Amino acid sequence: MHAALEGFLEGAERLVDGKGHPTAFGEEHPDAPGLYFVGYRNPPTGAIHDIAKEAVRVAKSIADAATTSSSASTSATSSNATKSAADPADSGKKKGART
């Protein structure tokens, strides 16, 4: 296991290969949502070149996830507002409150 993961993340061995290198690069790791590995390869084109490409992919992925998350919460808020507007008597009532 990679020394940086040891003791930090339980079950980290599923994220790396036998040499301790991450099994996903420049994208969200399928076994650990929200975790990205950048700069762990050294291709013939050069590590800096590869890191730059991976960083752009990671930033885009994070931005897309934030946009999707923001849209979902906006949609849920709009849905709740519509429910309250549909029955004004329900607005202001607390869940489980007896009348």
N, C-alpha and C. Protein backbone atom coordinates (compact mmCIF):
# COMPACT_ATOMS: atom_id res chain seq x y z
N MET A 1 0.84 -1.17 0.00
CA MET A 1 0.00 0.00 0.00
C MET A 1 0.89 1.24 0.00
N HIS A 2 0.42 2.30 -0.61
CA HIS A 2 1.16 3.55 -0.67
C HIS A 2 1.27 4.14 0.73
N ALA A 3 2.44 4.58 1.11
CA ALA A 3 2.68 5.09 2.46
C ALA A 3 1.77 6.27 2.80
N ALA A 4 1.44 7.09 1.82
CA ALA A 4 0.58 8.26 2.07
C ALA A 4 -0.83 7.85 2.48
N LEU A 5 -1.26 6.67 2.11
CA LEU A 5 -2.61 6.21 2.44
C LEU A 5 -2.67 5.40 3.73
N GLU A 6 -1.54 4.85 4.12
CA GLU A 6 -1.51 3.95 5.26
C GLU A 6 -1.95 4.66 6.53
N GLY A 7 -2.93 4.11 7.18
CA GLY A 7 -3.43 4.67 8.42
C GLY A 7 -4.33 5.88 8.22
N PHE A 8 -4.44 6.35 7.02
CA PHE A 8 -5.27 7.53 6.73
C PHE A 8 -6.65 7.14 6.24
N LEU A 9 -6.70 6.10 5.44
CA LEU A 9 -7.95 5.71 4.80
C LEU A 9 -8.13 4.21 4.96
N GLU A 10 -9.12 3.81 5.73
CA GLU A 10 -9.36 2.38 5.95
C GLU A 10 -9.73 1.71 4.63
N GLY A 11 -9.14 0.57 4.36
CA GLY A 11 -9.42 -0.16 3.13
C GLY A 11 -8.72 0.41 1.92
N ALA A 12 -7.66 1.19 2.14
CA ALA A 12 -6.96 1.86 1.05
C ALA A 12 -6.33 0.89 0.06
N GLU A 13 -6.10 -0.35 0.48
CA GLU A 13 -5.46 -1.31 -0.42
C GLU A 13 -6.29 -1.55 -1.68
N ARG A 14 -7.57 -1.29 -1.65
CA ARG A 14 -8.41 -1.47 -2.85
C ARG A 14 -8.19 -0.34 -3.87
N LEU A 15 -7.49 0.70 -3.47
CA LEU A 15 -7.28 1.87 -4.34
C LEU A 15 -5.96 1.81 -5.09
N VAL A 16 -5.10 0.87 -4.69
CA VAL A 16 -3.76 0.81 -5.27
C VAL A 16 -3.46 -0.60 -5.79
N ASP A 17 -2.44 -0.67 -6.66
CA ASP A 17 -2.02 -1.97 -7.18
C ASP A 17 -0.99 -2.59 -6.23
N GLY A 18 -0.41 -3.69 -6.62
CA GLY A 18 0.57 -4.39 -5.79
C GLY A 18 1.82 -3.59 -5.46
N LYS A 19 2.12 -2.59 -6.27
CA LYS A 19 3.29 -1.74 -6.02
C LYS A 19 2.95 -0.50 -5.20
N GLY A 20 1.67 -0.35 -4.86
CA GLY A 20 1.25 0.80 -4.09
C GLY A 20 0.89 2.01 -4.92
N HIS A 21 0.77 1.82 -6.23
CA HIS A 21 0.40 2.93 -7.12
C HIS A 21 -1.11 2.96 -7.30
N PRO A 22 -1.70 4.15 -7.35
CA PRO A 22 -3.15 4.25 -7.54
C PRO A 22 -3.59 3.54 -8.82
N THR A 23 -4.78 2.97 -8.78
CA THR A 23 -5.30 2.27 -9.96
C THR A 23 -6.15 3.18 -10.85
N ALA A 24 -6.38 4.41 -10.43
CA ALA A 24 -7.09 5.39 -11.26
C ALA A 24 -6.29 6.69 -11.25
N PHE A 25 -6.13 7.29 -12.41
CA PHE A 25 -5.34 8.52 -12.54
C PHE A 25 -6.17 9.62 -13.20
N GLY A 26 -6.11 10.81 -12.65
CA GLY A 26 -6.73 11.95 -13.30
C GLY A 26 -8.23 11.88 -13.41
N GLU A 27 -8.84 11.04 -12.58
CA GLU A 27 -10.30 10.92 -12.55
C GLU A 27 -10.70 10.45 -11.16
N GLU A 28 -11.97 10.57 -10.86
CA GLU A 28 -12.46 10.11 -9.57
C GLU A 28 -12.26 8.60 -9.46
N HIS A 29 -11.72 8.17 -8.35
CA HIS A 29 -11.49 6.73 -8.19
C HIS A 29 -12.84 6.04 -8.02
N PRO A 30 -13.12 4.99 -8.82
CA PRO A 30 -14.42 4.33 -8.75
C PRO A 30 -14.74 3.71 -7.39
N ASP A 31 -13.71 3.38 -6.62
CA ASP A 31 -13.93 2.77 -5.30
C ASP A 31 -13.92 3.78 -4.15
N ALA A 32 -13.71 5.06 -4.47
CA ALA A 32 -13.66 6.09 -3.43
C ALA A 32 -14.17 7.41 -4.01
N PRO A 33 -15.47 7.57 -4.09
CA PRO A 33 -16.03 8.80 -4.66
C PRO A 33 -15.46 10.05 -3.98
N GLY A 34 -15.05 11.00 -4.80
CA GLY A 34 -14.48 12.25 -4.29
C GLY A 34 -12.97 12.22 -4.14
N LEU A 35 -12.35 11.07 -4.40
CA LEU A 35 -10.90 10.96 -4.28
C LEU A 35 -10.27 10.89 -5.66
N TYR A 36 -9.27 11.75 -5.88
CA TYR A 36 -8.58 11.83 -7.17
C TYR A 36 -7.08 11.67 -6.94
N PHE A 37 -6.41 11.01 -7.87
CA PHE A 37 -4.96 10.88 -7.82
C PHE A 37 -4.39 11.58 -9.05
N VAL A 38 -3.47 12.49 -8.84
CA VAL A 38 -2.84 13.23 -9.93
C VAL A 38 -1.33 13.16 -9.74
N GLY A 39 -0.62 12.91 -10.84
CA GLY A 39 0.84 12.97 -10.81
C GLY A 39 1.55 11.70 -10.39
N TYR A 40 0.91 10.59 -10.49
CA TYR A 40 1.53 9.33 -10.08
C TYR A 40 2.13 8.54 -11.23
N ARG A 41 2.09 9.09 -12.43
CA ARG A 41 2.68 8.41 -13.59
C ARG A 41 3.88 9.22 -14.07
N ASN A 42 4.74 8.58 -14.80
CA ASN A 42 5.87 9.27 -15.40
C ASN A 42 5.98 8.81 -16.85
N PRO A 43 5.13 9.34 -17.72
CA PRO A 43 5.11 8.91 -19.12
C PRO A 43 6.27 9.51 -19.90
N PRO A 44 6.53 8.99 -21.08
CA PRO A 44 7.62 9.51 -21.92
C PRO A 44 7.48 11.00 -22.24
N THR A 45 6.24 11.51 -22.23
CA THR A 45 6.03 12.93 -22.53
C THR A 45 6.43 13.82 -21.37
N GLY A 46 6.64 13.23 -20.20
CA GLY A 46 7.07 14.00 -19.03
C GLY A 46 5.97 14.10 -17.99
N ALA A 47 6.38 14.05 -16.73
CA ALA A 47 5.42 14.09 -15.63
C ALA A 47 4.66 15.41 -15.59
N ILE A 48 5.34 16.52 -15.79
CA ILE A 48 4.67 17.83 -15.71
C ILE A 48 3.57 17.92 -16.76
N HIS A 49 3.87 17.48 -17.96
CA HIS A 49 2.89 17.50 -19.04
C HIS A 49 1.67 16.66 -18.65
N ASP A 50 1.92 15.48 -18.12
CA ASP A 50 0.84 14.57 -17.74
C ASP A 50 0.04 15.12 -16.56
N ILE A 51 0.72 15.70 -15.58
CA ILE A 51 0.04 16.28 -14.42
C ILE A 51 -0.89 17.40 -14.87
N ALA A 52 -0.44 18.21 -15.80
CA ALA A 52 -1.27 19.32 -16.30
C ALA A 52 -2.55 18.78 -16.93
N LYS A 53 -2.43 17.73 -17.73
CA LYS A 53 -3.61 17.14 -18.37
C LYS A 53 -4.55 16.52 -17.34
N GLU A 54 -3.98 15.79 -16.36
CA GLU A 54 -4.79 15.16 -15.32
C GLU A 54 -5.49 16.22 -14.47
N ALA A 55 -4.79 17.29 -14.14
CA ALA A 55 -5.36 18.35 -13.30
C ALA A 55 -6.56 19.00 -13.98
N VAL A 56 -6.48 19.21 -15.28
CA VAL A 56 -7.60 19.79 -16.02
C VAL A 56 -8.80 18.85 -15.97
N ARG A 57 -8.56 17.55 -16.17
CA ARG A 57 -9.66 16.57 -16.10
C ARG A 57 -10.29 16.53 -14.72
N VAL A 58 -9.46 16.57 -13.68
CA VAL A 58 -9.97 16.53 -12.31
C VAL A 58 -10.77 17.79 -12.01
N ALA A 59 -10.25 18.94 -12.38
CA ALA A 59 -10.97 20.20 -12.13
C ALA A 59 -12.31 20.20 -12.83
N LYS A 60 -12.36 19.72 -14.07
CA LYS A 60 -13.61 19.66 -14.81
C LYS A 60 -14.59 18.70 -14.13
N SER A 61 -14.10 17.58 -13.68
CA SER A 61 -14.95 16.60 -13.01
C SER A 61 -15.55 17.18 -11.73
N ILE A 62 -14.73 17.87 -10.95
CA ILE A 62 -15.20 18.48 -9.71
C ILE A 62 -16.22 19.58 -10.02
N ALA A 63 -15.93 20.41 -11.01
CA ALA A 63 -16.86 21.48 -11.39
C ALA A 63 -18.19 20.90 -11.88
N ASP A 64 -18.12 19.85 -12.69
CA ASP A 64 -19.34 19.21 -13.18
C ASP A 64 -20.16 18.64 -12.02
N ALA A 65 -19.48 18.01 -11.06
CA ALA A 65 -20.17 17.44 -9.90
C ALA A 65 -20.80 18.55 -9.07
N ALA A 66 -20.12 19.66 -8.91
CA ALA A 66 -20.66 20.78 -8.14
C ALA A 66 -21.87 21.37 -8.84
N THR A 67 -21.81 21.48 -10.15
CA THR A 67 -22.93 22.01 -10.93
C THR A 67 -24.13 21.08 -10.82
N THR A 68 -23.89 19.78 -10.95
CA THR A 68 -24.95 18.79 -10.85
C THR A 68 -25.57 18.83 -9.45
N SER A 69 -24.72 18.89 -8.43
CA SER A 69 -25.18 18.94 -7.04
C SER A 69 -25.99 20.21 -6.80
N SER A 70 -25.51 21.33 -7.32
CA SER A 70 -26.19 22.60 -7.15
C SER A 70 -27.55 22.57 -7.85
N SER A 71 -27.61 21.99 -9.03
CA SER A 71 -28.87 21.88 -9.76
C SER A 71 -29.86 21.01 -9.01
N ALA A 72 -29.37 19.92 -8.43
CA ALA A 72 -30.25 19.02 -7.69
C ALA A 72 -30.82 19.70 -6.46
N SER A 73 -30.00 20.45 -5.73
CA SER A 73 -30.50 21.11 -4.52
C SER A 73 -31.44 22.26 -4.89
N THR A 74 -31.17 22.95 -5.99
CA THR A 74 -32.06 24.01 -6.45
C THR A 74 -33.40 23.41 -6.84
N SER A 75 -33.37 22.27 -7.51
CA SER A 75 -34.59 21.59 -7.92
C SER A 75 -35.39 21.15 -6.69
N ALA A 76 -34.73 20.62 -5.69
CA ALA A 76 -35.40 20.17 -4.47
C ALA A 76 -36.01 21.37 -3.74
N THR A 77 -35.31 22.48 -3.70
CA THR A 77 -35.82 23.68 -3.06
C THR A 77 -37.05 24.18 -3.79
N SER A 78 -36.99 24.19 -5.11
CA SER A 78 -38.13 24.62 -5.91
C SER A 78 -39.31 23.71 -5.69
N SER A 79 -39.06 22.41 -5.60
CA SER A 79 -40.12 21.44 -5.37
C SER A 79 -40.79 21.68 -4.03
N ASN A 80 -40.00 21.94 -2.98
CA ASN A 80 -40.56 22.21 -1.66
C ASN A 80 -41.35 23.50 -1.66
N ALA A 81 -40.87 24.52 -2.37
CA ALA A 81 -41.58 25.79 -2.45
C ALA A 81 -42.92 25.59 -3.14
N THR A 82 -42.95 24.76 -4.17
CA THR A 82 -44.19 24.49 -4.89
C THR A 82 -45.19 23.80 -3.98
N LYS A 83 -44.72 22.85 -3.16
CA LYS A 83 -45.62 22.16 -2.23
C LYS A 83 -46.22 23.14 -1.24
N SER A 84 -45.39 24.04 -0.68
CA SER A 84 -45.89 25.01 0.28
C SER A 84 -46.88 25.96 -0.36
N ALA A 85 -46.59 26.38 -1.58
CA ALA A 85 -47.48 27.30 -2.27
C ALA A 85 -48.80 26.63 -2.62
N ALA A 86 -48.78 25.33 -2.83
CA ALA A 86 -49.98 24.60 -3.21
C ALA A 86 -50.98 24.54 -2.06
N ASP A 87 -50.50 24.47 -0.84
CA ASP A 87 -51.39 24.41 0.32
C ASP A 87 -50.86 25.35 1.39
N PRO A 88 -51.28 26.63 1.35
CA PRO A 88 -50.76 27.61 2.30
C PRO A 88 -51.00 27.21 3.75
N ALA A 89 -52.01 26.41 4.01
CA ALA A 89 -52.28 25.98 5.39
C ALA A 89 -51.16 25.12 5.93
N ASP A 90 -50.44 24.43 5.04
CA ASP A 90 -49.34 23.57 5.47
C ASP A 90 -48.07 24.35 5.75
N SER A 91 -47.93 25.53 5.16
CA SER A 91 -46.69 26.27 5.35
C SER A 91 -46.65 26.75 6.79
N GLY A 92 -45.51 26.61 7.40
CA GLY A 92 -45.33 27.03 8.78
C GLY A 92 -45.61 25.94 9.78
N LYS A 93 -46.23 24.84 9.36
CA LYS A 93 -46.46 23.73 10.28
C LYS A 93 -45.18 22.92 10.43
N LYS A 94 -44.88 22.50 11.60
CA LYS A 94 -43.73 21.66 11.84
C LYS A 94 -44.14 20.21 11.66
N LYS A 95 -43.22 19.41 11.14
CA LYS A 95 -43.52 17.99 10.98
C LYS A 95 -43.79 17.38 12.35
N GLY A 96 -44.85 16.61 12.41
CA GLY A 96 -45.18 15.91 13.64
C GLY A 96 -45.93 16.78 14.65
N ALA A 97 -46.12 18.06 14.32
CA ALA A 97 -46.83 18.94 15.25
C ALA A 97 -48.32 18.59 15.25
N ARG A 98 -48.92 18.62 16.41
CA ARG A 98 -50.35 18.32 16.53
C ARG A 98 -51.13 19.63 16.48
N THR A 99 -52.27 19.56 15.85
CA THR A 99 -53.09 20.77 15.77
C THR A 99 -54.39 20.60 16.51
